[in-house]
PDB file of N, CA and C in Angstrom:
ATOM      1  N   GLY A   1     -22.329   8.258  -9.236  1.00  0.00           N
ATOM      2  CA  GLY A   1     -21.709   7.848  -8.005  1.00  0.00           C
ATOM      3  C   GLY A   1     -20.555   8.759  -7.638  1.00  0.00           C
ATOM      4  N   LYS A   2     -19.965   8.463  -6.505  1.00  0.00           N
ATOM      5  CA  LYS A   2     -18.825   9.235  -6.028  1.00  0.00           C
ATOM      6  C   LYS A   2     -17.576   8.913  -6.844  1.00  0.00           C
ATOM      7  N   LYS A   3     -16.727   9.926  -6.995  1.00  0.00           N
ATOM      8  CA  LYS A   3     -15.459   9.762  -7.690  1.00  0.00           C
ATOM      9  C   LYS A   3     -14.537   8.870  -6.853  1.00  0.00           C
ATOM     10  N   ILE A   4     -13.880   7.906  -7.504  1.00  0.00           N
ATOM     11  CA  ILE A   4     -12.941   7.025  -6.828  1.00  0.00           C
ATOM     12  C   ILE A   4     -11.546   7.646  -6.927  1.00  0.00           C
ATOM     13  N   LEU A   5     -10.906   7.800  -5.768  1.00  0.00           N
ATOM     14  CA  LEU A   5      -9.565   8.364  -5.681  1.00  0.00           C
ATOM     15  C   LEU A   5      -8.576   7.237  -5.435  1.00  0.00           C
ATOM     16  N   SER A   6      -7.301   7.473  -5.769  1.00  0.00           N
ATOM     17  CA  SER A   6      -6.298   6.436  -5.499  1.00  0.00           C
ATOM     18  C   SER A   6      -4.934   7.048  -5.222  1.00  0.00           C
ATOM     19  N   LYS A   7      -4.122   6.280  -4.506  1.00  0.00           N
ATOM     20  CA  LYS A   7      -2.715   6.592  -4.253  1.00  0.00           C
ATOM     21  C   LYS A   7      -1.951   5.290  -4.412  1.00  0.00           C
ATOM     22  N   THR A   8      -0.698   5.401  -4.864  1.00  0.00           N
ATOM     23  CA  THR A   8       0.134   4.223  -5.061  1.00  0.00           C
ATOM     24  C   THR A   8       1.464   4.379  -4.321  1.00  0.00           C
ATOM     25  N   ILE A   9       1.906   3.295  -3.713  1.00  0.00           N
ATOM     26  CA  ILE A   9       3.215   3.223  -3.061  1.00  0.00           C
ATOM     27  C   ILE A   9       3.911   2.005  -3.657  1.00  0.00           C
ATOM     28  N   SER A  10       5.160   2.166  -4.077  1.00  0.00           N
ATOM     29  CA  SER A  10       5.944   1.025  -4.556  1.00  0.00           C
ATOM     30  C   SER A  10       7.129   0.821  -3.629  1.00  0.00           C
ATOM     31  N   ALA A  11       7.419  -0.438  -3.326  1.00  0.00           N
ATOM     32  CA  ALA A  11       8.490  -0.755  -2.388  1.00  0.00           C
ATOM     33  C   ALA A  11       9.228  -2.013  -2.820  1.00  0.00           C
ATOM     34  N   GLU A  12      10.505  -2.088  -2.422  1.00  0.00           N
ATOM     35  CA  GLU A  12      11.315  -3.268  -2.709  1.00  0.00           C
ATOM     36  C   GLU A  12      11.038  -4.316  -1.642  1.00  0.00           C
ATOM     37  N   THR A  13      10.122  -5.206  -1.934  1.00  0.00           N
ATOM     38  CA  THR A  13       9.748  -6.270  -1.006  1.00  0.00           C
ATOM     39  C   THR A  13       9.007  -7.344  -1.785  1.00  0.00           C
ATOM     40  N   VAL A  14       8.647  -8.409  -1.094  1.00  0.00           N
ATOM     41  CA  VAL A  14       7.799  -9.450  -1.681  1.00  0.00           C
ATOM     42  C   VAL A  14       6.524  -9.510  -0.842  1.00  0.00           C
ATOM     43  N   GLU A  15       5.445  -9.957  -1.446  1.00  0.00           N
ATOM     44  CA  GLU A  15       4.153  -9.961  -0.761  1.00  0.00           C
ATOM     45  C   GLU A  15       4.172 -10.761   0.543  1.00  0.00           C
ATOM     46  N   SER A  16       4.880 -11.868   0.567  1.00  0.00           N
ATOM     47  CA  SER A  16       4.893 -12.693   1.783  1.00  0.00           C
ATOM     48  C   SER A  16       5.502 -11.947   2.970  1.00  0.00           C
ATOM     49  N   GLU A  17       6.391 -11.011   2.719  1.00  0.00           N
ATOM     50  CA  GLU A  17       7.038 -10.258   3.788  1.00  0.00           C
ATOM     51  C   GLU A  17       6.100  -9.235   4.443  1.00  0.00           C
ATOM     52  N   ILE A  18       5.083  -8.797   3.715  1.00  0.00           N
ATOM     53  CA  ILE A  18       4.218  -7.730   4.220  1.00  0.00           C
ATOM     54  C   ILE A  18       2.759  -8.154   4.353  1.00  0.00           C
ATOM     55  N   ALA A  19       2.439  -9.388   4.048  1.00  0.00           N
ATOM     56  CA  ALA A  19       1.040  -9.833   4.013  1.00  0.00           C
ATOM     57  C   ALA A  19       0.302  -9.603   5.324  1.00  0.00           C
ATOM     58  N   LYS A  20       0.907  -9.975   6.442  1.00  0.00           N
ATOM     59  CA  LYS A  20       0.237  -9.837   7.741  1.00  0.00           C
ATOM     60  C   LYS A  20      -0.007  -8.363   8.076  1.00  0.00           C
ATOM     61  N   SER A  21       1.012  -7.529   7.895  1.00  0.00           N
ATOM     62  CA  SER A  21       0.875  -6.096   8.187  1.00  0.00           C
ATOM     63  C   SER A  21      -0.160  -5.445   7.271  1.00  0.00           C
ATOM     64  N   LEU A  22      -0.156  -5.840   6.008  1.00  0.00           N
ATOM     65  CA  LEU A  22      -1.110  -5.273   5.065  1.00  0.00           C
ATOM     66  C   LEU A  22      -2.537  -5.690   5.417  1.00  0.00           C
ATOM     67  N   ALA A  23      -2.720  -6.931   5.857  1.00  0.00           N
ATOM     68  CA  ALA A  23      -4.046  -7.403   6.281  1.00  0.00           C
ATOM     69  C   ALA A  23      -4.551  -6.606   7.485  1.00  0.00           C
ATOM     70  N   GLU A  24      -3.650  -6.284   8.419  1.00  0.00           N
ATOM     71  CA  GLU A  24      -4.033  -5.485   9.584  1.00  0.00           C
ATOM     72  C   GLU A  24      -4.500  -4.093   9.165  1.00  0.00           C
ATOM     73  N   VAL A  25      -3.781  -3.482   8.224  1.00  0.00           N
ATOM     74  CA  VAL A  25      -4.180  -2.156   7.733  1.00  0.00           C
ATOM     75  C   VAL A  25      -5.542  -2.262   7.042  1.00  0.00           C
ATOM     76  N   GLN A  26      -5.715  -3.276   6.192  1.00  0.00           N
ATOM     77  CA  GLN A  26      -6.993  -3.441   5.487  1.00  0.00           C
ATOM     78  C   GLN A  26      -8.144  -3.593   6.474  1.00  0.00           C
ATOM     79  N   ASN A  27      -7.930  -4.296   7.567  1.00  0.00           N
ATOM     80  CA  ASN A  27      -8.973  -4.471   8.576  1.00  0.00           C
ATOM     81  C   ASN A  27      -9.341  -3.162   9.261  1.00  0.00           C
ATOM     82  N   ASN A  28      -8.404  -2.211   9.303  1.00  0.00           N
ATOM     83  CA  ASN A  28      -8.677  -0.898   9.900  1.00  0.00           C
ATOM     84  C   ASN A  28      -9.463   0.025   8.978  1.00  0.00           C
ATOM     85  N   PHE A  29      -9.494  -0.295   7.697  1.00  0.00           N
ATOM     86  CA  PHE A  29     -10.109   0.598   6.705  1.00  0.00           C
ATOM     87  C   PHE A  29     -11.076  -0.175   5.814  1.00  0.00           C
ATOM     88  N   LYS A  30     -12.288  -0.347   6.305  1.00  0.00           N
ATOM     89  CA  LYS A  30     -13.303  -1.126   5.579  1.00  0.00           C
ATOM     90  C   LYS A  30     -13.795  -0.421   4.311  1.00  0.00           C
ATOM     91  N   LYS A  31     -13.656   0.913   4.253  1.00  0.00           N
ATOM     92  CA  LYS A  31     -14.128   1.663   3.085  1.00  0.00           C
ATOM     93  C   LYS A  31     -13.023   1.914   2.069  1.00  0.00           C
ATOM     94  N   VAL A  32     -11.893   1.233   2.259  1.00  0.00           N
ATOM     95  CA  VAL A  32     -10.749   1.401   1.367  1.00  0.00           C
ATOM     96  C   VAL A  32     -10.405   0.053   0.745  1.00  0.00           C
ATOM     97  N   GLU A  33     -10.124   0.063  -0.538  1.00  0.00           N
ATOM     98  CA  GLU A  33      -9.679  -1.140  -1.241  1.00  0.00           C
ATOM     99  C   GLU A  33      -8.171  -1.034  -1.433  1.00  0.00           C
ATOM    100  N   ILE A  34      -7.446  -2.064  -1.005  1.00  0.00           N
ATOM    101  CA  ILE A  34      -5.993  -2.080  -1.169  1.00  0.00           C
ATOM    102  C   ILE A  34      -5.631  -3.232  -2.096  1.00  0.00           C
ATOM    103  N   GLY A  35      -4.969  -2.899  -3.186  1.00  0.00           N
ATOM    104  CA  GLY A  35      -4.475  -3.925  -4.098  1.00  0.00           C
ATOM    105  C   GLY A  35      -2.967  -3.994  -4.002  1.00  0.00           C
ATOM    106  N   SER A  36      -2.395  -5.187  -4.039  1.00  0.00           N
ATOM    107  CA  SER A  36      -0.937  -5.323  -4.057  1.00  0.00           C
ATOM    108  C   SER A  36      -0.548  -6.041  -5.346  1.00  0.00           C
ATOM    109  N   TYR A  37       0.390  -5.438  -6.053  1.00  0.00           N
ATOM    110  CA  TYR A  37       0.755  -5.917  -7.377  1.00  0.00           C
ATOM    111  C   TYR A  37       2.278  -6.108  -7.463  1.00  0.00           C
ATOM    112  N   PRO A  38       2.725  -7.358  -7.499  1.00  0.00           N
ATOM    113  CA  PRO A  38       4.164  -7.621  -7.595  1.00  0.00           C
ATOM    114  C   PRO A  38       4.710  -7.134  -8.946  1.00  0.00           C
ATOM    115  N   PHE A  39       6.005  -6.761  -8.936  1.00  0.00           N
ATOM    116  CA  PHE A  39       6.645  -6.345 -10.183  1.00  0.00           C
ATOM    117  C   PHE A  39       8.112  -6.742 -10.171  1.00  0.00           C
ATOM    118  N   PHE A  40       8.677  -6.802 -11.356  1.00  0.00           N
ATOM    119  CA  PHE A  40      10.117  -6.950 -11.560  1.00  0.00           C
ATOM    120  C   PHE A  40      10.490  -5.862 -12.536  1.00  0.00           C
ATOM    121  N   ARG A  41      11.210  -4.852 -12.037  1.00  0.00           N
ATOM    122  CA  ARG A  41      11.478  -3.674 -12.852  1.00  0.00           C
ATOM    123  C   ARG A  41      12.939  -3.257 -12.668  1.00  0.00           C
ATOM    124  N   LEU A  42      13.654  -3.104 -13.757  1.00  0.00           N
ATOM    125  CA  LEU A  42      15.053  -2.679 -13.717  1.00  0.00           C
ATOM    126  C   LEU A  42      15.881  -3.514 -12.744  1.00  0.00           C
ATOM    127  N   GLY A  43      15.649  -4.806 -12.760  1.00  0.00           N
ATOM    128  CA  GLY A  43      16.399  -5.723 -11.922  1.00  0.00           C
ATOM    129  C   GLY A  43      15.976  -5.753 -10.463  1.00  0.00           C
ATOM    130  N   LYS A  44      14.905  -5.082 -10.119  1.00  0.00           N
ATOM    131  CA  LYS A  44      14.440  -5.042  -8.727  1.00  0.00           C
ATOM    132  C   LYS A  44      13.082  -5.710  -8.606  1.00  0.00           C
ATOM    133  N   ILE A  45      12.944  -6.479  -7.532  1.00  0.00           N
ATOM    134  CA  ILE A  45      11.671  -7.120  -7.220  1.00  0.00           C
ATOM    135  C   ILE A  45      10.949  -6.237  -6.222  1.00  0.00           C
ATOM    136  N   GLY A  46       9.652  -6.064  -6.423  1.00  0.00           N
ATOM    137  CA  GLY A  46       8.910  -5.229  -5.495  1.00  0.00           C
ATOM    138  C   GLY A  46       7.423  -5.445  -5.587  1.00  0.00           C
ATOM    139  N   VAL A  47       6.717  -4.610  -4.835  1.00  0.00           N
ATOM    140  CA  VAL A  47       5.254  -4.637  -4.807  1.00  0.00           C
ATOM    141  C   VAL A  47       4.757  -3.200  -4.863  1.00  0.00           C
ATOM    142  N   SER A  48       3.762  -2.970  -5.705  1.00  0.00           N
ATOM    143  CA  SER A  48       3.069  -1.682  -5.715  1.00  0.00           C
ATOM    144  C   SER A  48       1.747  -1.862  -4.988  1.00  0.00           C
ATOM    145  N   PHE A  49       1.469  -0.956  -4.067  1.00  0.00           N
ATOM    146  CA  PHE A  49       0.220  -0.962  -3.317  1.00  0.00           C
ATOM    147  C   PHE A  49      -0.650   0.155  -3.867  1.00  0.00           C
ATOM    148  N   VAL A  50      -1.840  -0.193  -4.317  1.00  0.00           N
ATOM    149  CA  VAL A  50      -2.778   0.800  -4.827  1.00  0.00           C
ATOM    150  C   VAL A  50      -3.933   0.892  -3.840  1.00  0.00           C
ATOM    151  N   ILE A  51      -4.141   2.099  -3.328  1.00  0.00           N
ATOM    152  CA  ILE A  51      -5.167   2.358  -2.313  1.00  0.00           C
ATOM    153  C   ILE A  51      -6.286   3.130  -2.998  1.00  0.00           C
ATOM    154  N   ARG A  52      -7.524   2.604  -2.921  1.00  0.00           N
ATOM    155  CA  ARG A  52      -8.663   3.243  -3.602  1.00  0.00           C
ATOM    156  C   ARG A  52      -9.832   3.437  -2.650  1.00  0.00           C
ATOM    157  N   SER A  53     -10.469   4.595  -2.763  1.00  0.00           N
ATOM    158  CA  SER A  53     -11.672   4.889  -1.988  1.00  0.00           C
ATOM    159  C   SER A  53     -12.287   6.175  -2.529  1.00  0.00           C
ATOM    160  N   SER A  54     -13.519   6.402  -2.169  1.00  0.00           N
ATOM    161  CA  SER A  54     -14.156   7.673  -2.519  1.00  0.00           C
ATOM    162  C   SER A  54     -13.919   8.712  -1.420  1.00  0.00           C
ATOM    163  N   GLU A  55     -13.265   8.292  -0.328  1.00  0.00           N
ATOM    164  CA  GLU A  55     -13.027   9.182   0.810  1.00  0.00           C
ATOM    165  C   GLU A  55     -11.535   9.486   0.949  1.00  0.00           C
ATOM    166  N   LYS A  56     -11.143  10.723   0.601  1.00  0.00           N
ATOM    167  CA  LYS A  56      -9.738  11.121   0.615  1.00  0.00           C
ATOM    168  C   LYS A  56      -9.098  10.946   1.993  1.00  0.00           C
ATOM    169  N   LYS A  57      -9.801  11.297   3.048  1.00  0.00           N
ATOM    170  CA  LYS A  57      -9.250  11.176   4.392  1.00  0.00           C
ATOM    171  C   LYS A  57      -8.893   9.725   4.707  1.00  0.00           C
ATOM    172  N   GLN A  58      -9.757   8.792   4.300  1.00  0.00           N
ATOM    173  CA  GLN A  58      -9.493   7.370   4.522  1.00  0.00           C
ATOM    174  C   GLN A  58      -8.253   6.918   3.750  1.00  0.00           C
ATOM    175  N   ILE A  59      -8.117   7.373   2.500  1.00  0.00           N
ATOM    176  CA  ILE A  59      -6.939   7.029   1.697  1.00  0.00           C
ATOM    177  C   ILE A  59      -5.677   7.559   2.372  1.00  0.00           C
ATOM    178  N   ASP A  60      -5.712   8.807   2.801  1.00  0.00           N
ATOM    179  CA  ASP A  60      -4.538   9.421   3.429  1.00  0.00           C
ATOM    180  C   ASP A  60      -4.121   8.688   4.704  1.00  0.00           C
ATOM    181  N   GLU A  61      -5.085   8.305   5.532  1.00  0.00           N
ATOM    182  CA  GLU A  61      -4.776   7.594   6.773  1.00  0.00           C
ATOM    183  C   GLU A  61      -4.252   6.183   6.489  1.00  0.00           C
ATOM    184  N   CYS A  62      -4.852   5.511   5.530  1.00  0.00           N
ATOM    185  CA  CYS A  62      -4.413   4.174   5.136  1.00  0.00           C
ATOM    186  C   CYS A  62      -2.994   4.237   4.561  1.00  0.00           C
ATOM    187  N   TYR A  63      -2.752   5.194   3.705  1.00  0.00           N
ATOM    188  CA  TYR A  63      -1.437   5.417   3.095  1.00  0.00           C
ATOM    189  C   TYR A  63      -0.386   5.591   4.187  1.00  0.00           C
ATOM    190  N   LYS A  64      -0.684   6.415   5.188  1.00  0.00           N
ATOM    191  CA  LYS A  64       0.249   6.685   6.274  1.00  0.00           C
ATOM    192  C   LYS A  64       0.563   5.390   7.036  1.00  0.00           C
ATOM    193  N   GLN A  65      -0.448   4.574   7.301  1.00  0.00           N
ATOM    194  CA  GLN A  65      -0.206   3.322   8.024  1.00  0.00           C
ATOM    195  C   GLN A  65       0.672   2.362   7.213  1.00  0.00           C
ATOM    196  N   ILE A  66       0.470   2.318   5.906  1.00  0.00           N
ATOM    197  CA  ILE A  66       1.305   1.448   5.064  1.00  0.00           C
ATOM    198  C   ILE A  66       2.745   1.946   5.064  1.00  0.00           C
ATOM    199  N   VAL A  67       2.938   3.244   4.875  1.00  0.00           N
ATOM    200  CA  VAL A  67       4.291   3.809   4.894  1.00  0.00           C
ATOM    201  C   VAL A  67       4.951   3.544   6.242  1.00  0.00           C
ATOM    202  N   ASP A  68       4.203   3.704   7.327  1.00  0.00           N
ATOM    203  CA  ASP A  68       4.753   3.471   8.667  1.00  0.00           C
ATOM    204  C   ASP A  68       5.238   2.032   8.841  1.00  0.00           C
ATOM    205  N   PHE A  69       4.420   1.038   8.417  1.00  0.00           N
ATOM    206  CA  PHE A  69       4.878  -0.340   8.618  1.00  0.00           C
ATOM    207  C   PHE A  69       6.031  -0.686   7.680  1.00  0.00           C
ATOM    208  N   LEU A  70       6.082  -0.094   6.499  1.00  0.00           N
ATOM    209  CA  LEU A  70       7.227  -0.328   5.612  1.00  0.00           C
ATOM    210  C   LEU A  70       8.501   0.223   6.245  1.00  0.00           C
ATOM    211  N   LYS A  71       8.410   1.398   6.840  1.00  0.00           N
ATOM    212  CA  LYS A  71       9.578   1.991   7.501  1.00  0.00           C
ATOM    213  C   LYS A  71      10.004   1.156   8.704  1.00  0.00           C
ATOM    214  N   ARG A  72       9.029   0.690   9.506  1.00  0.00           N
ATOM    215  CA  ARG A  72       9.360  -0.142  10.668  1.00  0.00           C
ATOM    216  C   ARG A  72      10.075  -1.423  10.255  1.00  0.00           C
ATOM    217  N   LYS A  73       9.671  -1.973   9.130  1.00  0.00           N
ATOM    218  CA  LYS A  73      10.297  -3.206   8.627  1.00  0.00           C
ATOM    219  C   LYS A  73      11.574  -2.911   7.835  1.00  0.00           C
ATOM    220  N   GLU A  74      11.915  -1.619   7.748  1.00  0.00           N
ATOM    221  CA  GLU A  74      13.101  -1.171   7.006  1.00  0.00           C
ATOM    222  C   GLU A  74      13.067  -1.604   5.550  1.00  0.00           C
ATOM    223  N   ILE A  75      11.890  -1.483   4.948  1.00  0.00           N
ATOM    224  CA  ILE A  75      11.704  -1.814   3.533  1.00  0.00           C
ATOM    225  C   ILE A  75      11.827  -0.518   2.743  1.00  0.00           C
ATOM    226  N   HIS A  76      12.666  -0.556   1.716  1.00  0.00           N
ATOM    227  CA  HIS A  76      12.925   0.617   0.890  1.00  0.00           C
ATOM    228  C   HIS A  76      11.705   0.971   0.044  1.00  0.00           C
ATOM    229  N   ILE A  77      11.234   2.200   0.197  1.00  0.00           N
ATOM    230  CA  ILE A  77      10.124   2.694  -0.614  1.00  0.00           C
ATOM    231  C   ILE A  77      10.712   3.313  -1.870  1.00  0.00           C
ATOM    232  N   ILE A  78      10.274   2.820  -3.026  1.00  0.00           N
ATOM    233  CA  ILE A  78      10.815   3.279  -4.305  1.00  0.00           C
ATOM    234  C   ILE A  78      10.183   4.611  -4.694  1.00  0.00           C
ATOM    235  N   ASP A  79       8.878   4.660  -4.685  1.00  0.00           N
ATOM    236  CA  ASP A  79       8.202   5.915  -4.992  1.00  0.00           C
ATOM    237  C   ASP A  79       6.847   5.941  -4.343  1.00  0.00           C
ATOM    238  N   ARG A  80       6.369   7.185  -4.134  1.00  0.00           N
ATOM    239  CA  ARG A  80       5.063   7.380  -3.520  1.00  0.00           C
ATOM    240  C   ARG A  80       4.388   8.502  -4.240  1.00  0.00           C
TER     241      ARG A  80
END
């Protein structure tokens, strides 16, 4: 089969704050799987978003939309 690619974004937020925006992005990318994984690390609460697909272009576009909505909501991105 095709190789599965992934990208991860971690941000200081809680899932309830981004659920609607994340659902909208997921609806735009049917060939992309988005996982959200809450964490508590070094005293900070956050969520890591893992984007997976066999299509790099789809991952890149999905990644950009997630980063854009995080910035619009003024949510601090920890690492990308």
